[in-house]
Amino acid sequence: DPTRRDPWIQLARLRLAEGDMQGAASFAAAALAIPAQVGLPEMEENLLAGPHAILYWALFWLGRRDEARAHFEICRRLDPGNSVYLEHARLIDPAASRRPPS
């Protein structure tokens, strides 16, 4: 179904788990290219921070820190209390761990 993000996100998570950061970033970016559509059988995380979380982590390890930071900030804005994002703030943007999310 070309209207769902889930298959791309599953592939992105698989590539991430296998350490293929370029593959993870590519599949997560493909998921984001599909407009989020409420009402389809799609996990809420796939419509919100899910693809951005994969992207920021993969891009960070690919050395593309500015791009990673942009996706990280989206995740923090969507889920400011997420303990994983709070932990990763020290890596992604040390200054972000000392300021409240926007």
Protein backbone atom coordinates (compact mmCIF):
# COMPACT_ATOMS: atom_id res chain seq x y z
CA ASP A 1 0.00 0.00 0.00
CA PRO A 2 1.81 3.13 -1.17
CA THR A 3 -0.18 5.31 1.25
CA ARG A 4 1.31 3.72 4.40
CA ARG A 5 4.57 4.56 6.11
CA ASP A 6 4.78 1.34 8.13
CA PRO A 7 6.60 -0.87 5.58
CA TRP A 8 9.33 1.76 5.10
CA ILE A 9 9.70 2.28 8.83
CA GLN A 10 9.97 -1.46 9.45
CA LEU A 11 12.74 -1.64 6.86
CA ALA A 12 14.44 1.39 8.43
CA ARG A 13 14.33 -0.22 11.90
CA LEU A 14 15.76 -3.45 10.50
CA ARG A 15 18.64 -1.61 8.80
CA LEU A 16 19.26 0.36 12.01
CA ALA A 17 19.37 -2.84 14.07
CA GLU A 18 21.89 -4.27 11.62
CA GLY A 19 24.09 -1.17 11.82
CA ASP A 20 23.35 0.01 8.29
CA MET A 21 22.90 3.68 9.07
CA GLN A 22 22.69 4.78 5.42
CA GLY A 23 19.97 2.23 4.73
CA ALA A 24 18.09 3.25 7.88
CA ALA A 25 18.23 6.91 6.91
CA SER A 26 17.10 6.18 3.36
CA PHE A 27 14.09 4.10 4.41
CA ALA A 28 13.08 6.59 7.14
CA ALA A 29 13.30 9.45 4.63
CA ALA A 30 11.13 7.43 2.22
CA ALA A 31 8.55 7.02 5.00
CA LEU A 32 8.50 10.78 5.60
CA ALA A 33 7.88 11.36 1.90
CA ILE A 34 4.46 9.73 2.38
CA PRO A 35 1.99 12.24 3.82
CA ALA A 36 0.69 11.29 7.27
CA GLN A 37 -2.94 10.26 6.94
CA VAL A 38 -5.03 9.85 10.04
CA GLY A 39 -7.64 7.13 9.78
CA LEU A 40 -5.52 4.59 7.94
CA PRO A 41 -4.34 1.48 9.78
CA GLU A 42 -1.07 3.07 10.81
CA MET A 43 0.64 3.18 14.19
CA GLU A 44 0.51 6.65 15.73
CA GLU A 45 4.30 6.61 16.21
CA ASN A 46 4.71 6.24 12.42
CA LEU A 47 2.76 9.45 11.94
CA LEU A 48 4.66 11.40 14.58
CA ALA A 49 8.23 11.03 15.84
CA GLY A 50 9.02 7.48 14.64
CA PRO A 51 10.68 8.24 11.31
CA HIS A 52 12.39 11.33 12.72
CA ALA A 53 13.85 9.28 15.59
CA ILE A 54 15.37 6.78 13.16
CA LEU A 55 16.67 9.61 10.99
CA TYR A 56 18.33 11.57 13.77
CA TRP A 57 20.10 8.50 15.11
CA ALA A 58 21.27 7.28 11.71
CA LEU A 59 22.35 10.73 10.52
CA PHE A 60 24.23 11.34 13.77
CA TRP A 61 26.33 8.20 13.23
CA LEU A 62 26.84 9.08 9.56
CA GLY A 63 28.44 12.33 10.72
CA ARG A 64 25.63 14.50 9.37
CA ARG A 65 25.16 16.26 12.71
CA ASP A 66 23.22 19.34 11.55
CA GLU A 67 20.63 17.20 9.77
CA ALA A 68 20.46 14.89 12.79
CA ARG A 69 19.89 17.83 15.11
CA ALA A 70 16.94 19.05 13.03
CA HIS A 71 15.16 15.67 13.27
CA PHE A 72 16.10 15.38 16.95
CA GLU A 73 14.43 18.72 17.67
CA ILE A 74 11.26 17.50 15.95
CA CYS A 75 11.27 14.43 18.21
CA ARG A 76 11.78 16.53 21.33
CA ARG A 77 8.96 18.86 20.31
CA LEU A 78 6.58 15.95 19.66
CA ASP A 79 7.47 14.04 22.84
CA PRO A 80 9.35 16.32 25.26
CA GLY A 81 9.27 13.88 28.20
CA ASN A 82 10.67 10.90 26.30
CA SER A 83 13.56 9.51 28.38
CA VAL A 84 15.45 8.32 25.28
CA TYR A 85 15.46 11.81 23.79
CA LEU A 86 16.54 13.29 27.10
CA GLU A 87 19.45 10.83 27.20
CA HIS A 88 20.42 11.42 23.56
CA ALA A 89 20.33 15.20 24.03
CA ARG A 90 23.82 15.00 25.52
CA LEU A 91 25.11 13.43 22.30
CA ILE A 92 23.08 15.22 19.64
CA ASP A 93 23.15 18.71 21.08
CA PRO A 94 24.77 19.19 24.47
CA ALA A 95 23.15 22.62 24.81
CA ALA A 96 19.70 21.04 24.23
CA SER A 97 20.00 18.99 27.39
CA ARG A 98 20.23 22.22 29.38
CA ARG A 99 17.23 24.03 27.83
CA PRO A 100 13.52 23.17 27.76
CA PRO A 101 12.07 21.92 24.44
CA SER A 102 10.49 24.57 22.22
